[in-house]
């Protein structure tokens, strides 16, 4: 089955990504199916995790912006975290159908493009039109090419930073496993857990900062 999907151009990372999406959707449905005033079980864990994440991004984006755009940056963080940790599954990258989606540049590029498009849409909407692009003429109009380049570099940076770190970490861990199969790989796995969290946080944090920069100045600190 998986070999047939691979022959159709569907990569192992895409299969894992689909599985992660389904798992997250199922967990969300279960956690929110029977909401209680005094949460317990999965609802309690979900509320604590989402609440903590919300307050973190609120400090970065401001109250108004976080209320509007937390669903985007929060979803990016959760998805990337699960995607990174899928690379810790036994046989990930070696067994058909299991591979960390974020170890593929196509996945990280897709998320970076989503952030870039969101920046443009949010900027235009919050500035009530294309006056949003006046920021490209500041402080001096002759710097327009450099300002455009600065905006275009953002998705490239998001793409390469996440892909490079995840792919590099997996490569190093695999190399250590080949050299010293006992002991050291376990330590590397613990470091991979921390690295997966940090990379998810960095990507979503930068996304939050970029979105905040797209807002009118008088609204950034609300």
Protein backbone atom coordinates (compact mmCIF):
# COMPACT_ATOMS: atom_id res chain seq x y z
CA UNK A 1 0.00 0.00 0.00
CA UNK A 2 2.66 2.47 1.06
CA UNK A 3 4.91 1.45 -1.83
CA UNK A 4 2.01 2.17 -4.18
CA UNK A 5 1.58 5.63 -2.66
CA UNK A 6 5.31 6.27 -2.98
CA UNK A 7 5.18 5.27 -6.65
CA UNK A 8 2.45 7.90 -7.14
CA UNK A 9 4.77 10.61 -5.84
CA UNK A 10 3.39 10.66 -2.29
CA UNK A 11 6.40 10.77 0.01
CA UNK A 12 6.77 9.22 3.44
CA UNK A 13 6.75 12.70 4.94
CA UNK A 14 3.38 13.43 3.31
CA UNK A 15 1.96 10.18 4.71
CA UNK A 16 3.21 11.01 8.19
CA UNK A 17 1.91 14.57 7.86
CA UNK A 18 -1.55 13.27 6.98
CA UNK A 19 -1.47 10.92 9.97
CA UNK A 20 -0.44 13.79 12.26
CA UNK A 21 -3.27 15.96 10.95
CA UNK A 22 -5.82 13.20 11.55
CA UNK A 23 -4.49 12.54 15.05
CA UNK A 24 -4.64 16.23 16.00
CA UNK A 25 -8.17 16.53 14.63
CA UNK A 26 -9.33 13.46 16.56
CA UNK A 27 -7.71 14.70 19.79
CA UNK A 28 -9.35 18.12 19.33
CA UNK A 29 -12.77 16.55 18.79
CA UNK A 30 -12.42 14.29 21.82
CA UNK A 31 -11.14 17.11 24.06
CA UNK A 32 -13.96 19.46 23.05
CA UNK A 33 -16.79 16.97 22.66
CA UNK A 34 -18.15 17.26 26.20
CA UNK A 35 -16.87 20.51 27.68
CA UNK A 36 -17.17 20.82 31.45
CA UNK A 37 -17.00 23.89 33.68
CA UNK A 38 -14.46 22.02 35.80
CA UNK A 39 -12.27 20.37 33.16
CA UNK A 40 -10.78 16.94 33.63
CA UNK A 41 -8.89 14.40 31.58
CA UNK A 42 -7.97 15.37 28.04
CA UNK A 43 -9.98 18.62 28.24
CA UNK A 44 -7.91 19.71 31.23
CA UNK A 45 -4.62 18.94 29.47
CA UNK A 46 -5.77 20.68 26.28
CA UNK A 47 -6.94 23.81 28.11
CA UNK A 48 -3.71 24.03 30.07
CA UNK A 49 -1.53 23.58 26.96
CA UNK A 50 -3.49 25.97 24.75
CA UNK A 51 -3.85 28.51 27.57
CA UNK A 52 -0.11 28.51 28.25
CA UNK A 53 0.64 28.84 24.56
CA UNK A 54 -1.87 31.68 24.19
CA UNK A 55 -0.37 33.69 27.04
CA UNK A 56 3.10 33.23 25.59
CA UNK A 57 2.09 34.61 22.19
CA UNK A 58 0.00 37.34 23.80
CA UNK A 59 3.17 38.76 25.33
CA UNK A 60 4.73 38.79 21.86
CA UNK A 61 1.85 40.00 19.68
CA UNK A 62 -0.29 42.01 22.06
CA UNK A 63 -3.79 41.23 23.27
CA UNK A 64 -5.77 42.29 20.18
CA UNK A 65 -3.49 40.69 17.61
CA UNK A 66 -3.18 37.46 19.58
CA UNK A 67 -6.95 37.19 19.93
CA UNK A 68 -7.27 37.41 16.14
CA UNK A 69 -4.26 35.46 14.91
CA UNK A 70 -3.39 32.99 17.65
CA UNK A 71 -5.22 30.17 15.80
CA UNK A 72 -2.65 30.45 13.00
CA UNK A 73 0.55 30.67 15.03
CA UNK A 74 -0.73 28.21 17.63
CA UNK A 75 -1.60 25.66 14.97
CA UNK A 76 1.83 26.08 13.37
CA UNK A 77 3.53 25.43 16.71
CA UNK A 78 1.47 22.33 17.51
CA UNK A 79 1.80 20.84 14.02
CA UNK A 80 5.55 21.46 13.81
CA UNK A 81 6.06 20.01 17.30
CA UNK A 82 4.25 16.80 16.36
CA UNK A 83 6.02 16.71 12.98
CA UNK A 84 9.43 17.06 14.62
CA UNK A 85 8.67 14.40 17.23
CA UNK A 86 7.45 11.98 14.56
CA UNK A 87 11.11 11.71 13.59
CA UNK A 88 11.76 10.09 16.98
CA UNK A 89 9.51 7.13 16.20
CA UNK A 90 11.38 3.83 15.81
CA UNK A 91 12.37 3.37 12.20
CA UNK A 92 11.46 6.91 11.18
CA UNK A 93 13.25 7.74 7.95
CA UNK A 94 14.05 4.08 7.34
CA UNK A 95 10.61 2.45 7.33
CA UNK A 96 8.21 3.25 4.52
CA UNK A 97 5.45 5.60 5.56
CA UNK A 98 7.25 7.13 8.56
CA UNK A 99 9.39 10.25 8.22
CA UNK A 100 9.42 13.63 9.93
CA UNK A 101 7.60 16.00 7.54
CA UNK A 102 9.82 18.88 8.65
CA UNK A 103 12.91 17.01 7.43
CA UNK A 104 11.62 17.74 3.90
CA UNK A 105 12.18 21.21 2.49
CA UNK A 106 8.83 20.98 0.70
CA UNK A 107 6.97 20.89 4.02
CA UNK A 108 8.88 23.75 5.62
CA UNK A 109 8.56 25.80 2.43
CA UNK A 110 4.78 25.26 2.36
CA UNK A 111 4.44 26.55 5.94
CA UNK A 112 6.72 29.50 5.22
CA UNK A 113 4.58 30.43 2.21
CA UNK A 114 1.47 30.24 4.39
CA UNK A 115 3.07 32.69 6.82
CA UNK A 116 4.17 35.00 4.00
CA UNK A 117 0.71 35.04 2.38
CA UNK A 118 -0.88 35.59 5.81
CA UNK A 119 1.40 38.59 6.33
CA UNK A 120 0.21 40.17 3.08
CA UNK A 121 -3.49 39.43 3.67
CA UNK A 122 -3.39 40.62 7.27
CA UNK A 123 -1.41 43.72 6.36
CA UNK A 124 -3.82 44.72 3.59
CA UNK A 125 -6.88 44.04 5.74
CA UNK A 126 -5.62 45.81 8.86
CA UNK A 127 -4.45 48.84 6.86
CA UNK A 128 -7.75 48.88 4.94
CA UNK A 129 -6.10 48.53 1.56
CA UNK A 130 -2.81 48.59 -0.23
CA UNK A 131 -1.57 51.49 1.90
CA UNK A 132 0.06 48.65 3.83
CA UNK A 133 2.85 48.63 1.26
CA UNK A 134 3.81 52.19 2.14
CA UNK A 135 6.18 50.64 4.66
CA UNK A 136 8.35 49.60 1.72
CA UNK A 137 9.02 53.27 1.02
CA UNK A 138 10.22 54.02 4.53
CA UNK A 139 12.51 55.53 5.60
CA UNK A 140 13.56 56.40 2.02
CA UNK A 141 11.88 55.55 -1.28
CA UNK A 142 15.18 54.67 -2.97
CA UNK A 143 15.51 51.75 -0.54
CA UNK A 144 12.45 50.08 -2.11
CA UNK A 145 14.43 47.19 -3.71
CA UNK A 146 16.11 46.41 -0.39
CA UNK A 147 12.81 46.56 1.50
CA UNK A 148 11.20 44.18 -0.99
CA UNK A 149 14.18 41.85 -0.67
CA UNK A 150 13.89 41.97 3.11
CA UNK A 151 10.27 40.82 2.92
CA UNK A 152 11.10 38.05 0.43
CA UNK A 153 13.94 36.79 2.61
CA UNK A 154 11.56 36.08 5.49
CA UNK A 155 9.90 32.96 4.00
CA UNK A 156 13.27 31.76 2.73
CA UNK A 157 14.72 32.12 6.21
CA UNK A 158 11.77 30.29 7.79
CA UNK A 159 12.10 27.49 5.25
CA UNK A 160 15.82 26.89 5.56
CA UNK A 161 16.08 27.36 9.32
CA UNK A 162 13.52 24.69 10.18
CA UNK A 163 14.52 22.29 7.42
CA UNK A 164 18.24 22.66 8.04
CA UNK A 165 18.01 22.10 11.77
CA UNK A 166 15.66 19.11 11.63
CA UNK A 167 17.41 17.44 8.70
CA UNK A 168 20.85 18.11 10.21
CA UNK A 169 19.80 16.78 13.62
CA UNK A 170 18.43 13.59 12.07
CA UNK A 171 21.59 13.11 10.00
CA UNK A 172 23.89 13.60 12.99
CA UNK A 173 21.83 11.25 15.16
CA UNK A 174 21.86 8.58 12.46
CA UNK A 175 25.64 8.93 12.05
CA UNK A 176 26.24 8.59 15.80
CA UNK A 177 24.00 5.53 15.87
CA UNK A 178 26.11 3.90 13.14
CA UNK A 179 29.34 4.71 14.99
CA UNK A 180 28.25 4.01 18.57
CA UNK A 181 24.99 2.03 18.60
CA UNK A 182 24.81 1.73 22.40
CA UNK A 183 24.39 4.59 24.85
CA UNK A 184 25.11 7.69 22.79
CA UNK A 185 22.01 7.44 20.55
CA UNK A 186 19.83 7.53 23.69
CA UNK A 187 21.45 10.81 24.73
CA UNK A 188 20.95 12.16 21.22
CA UNK A 189 17.27 11.22 21.40
CA UNK A 190 16.84 13.28 24.56
CA UNK A 191 18.55 16.21 22.85
CA UNK A 192 16.26 15.69 19.85
CA UNK A 193 13.24 16.13 22.10
CA UNK A 194 14.55 19.51 23.21
CA UNK A 195 15.56 20.46 19.67
CA UNK A 196 12.11 19.59 18.32
CA UNK A 197 10.47 21.88 20.87
CA UNK A 198 12.90 24.73 20.24
CA UNK A 199 12.49 24.58 16.46
CA UNK A 200 8.70 24.57 16.71
CA UNK A 201 8.87 27.53 19.06
CA UNK A 202 11.29 29.49 16.87
CA UNK A 203 9.24 29.05 13.69
CA UNK A 204 5.94 30.02 15.31
CA UNK A 205 7.58 32.85 17.24
CA UNK A 206 9.01 34.36 14.06
CA UNK A 207 5.61 33.94 12.38
CA UNK A 208 4.02 35.86 15.28
CA UNK A 209 6.61 38.63 15.02
CA UNK A 210 6.15 38.95 11.26
CA UNK A 211 2.37 39.16 11.66
CA UNK A 212 2.76 41.78 14.37
CA UNK A 213 4.95 43.82 12.02
CA UNK A 214 2.15 43.72 9.44
CA UNK A 215 -0.24 45.53 11.78
CA UNK A 216 -0.71 49.31 11.98
CA UNK A 217 1.70 50.80 14.49
CA UNK A 218 -1.04 52.07 16.78
CA UNK A 219 -2.45 48.53 17.08
CA UNK A 220 0.79 46.65 17.64
CA UNK A 221 0.87 47.21 21.38
CA UNK A 222 -2.82 46.72 22.12
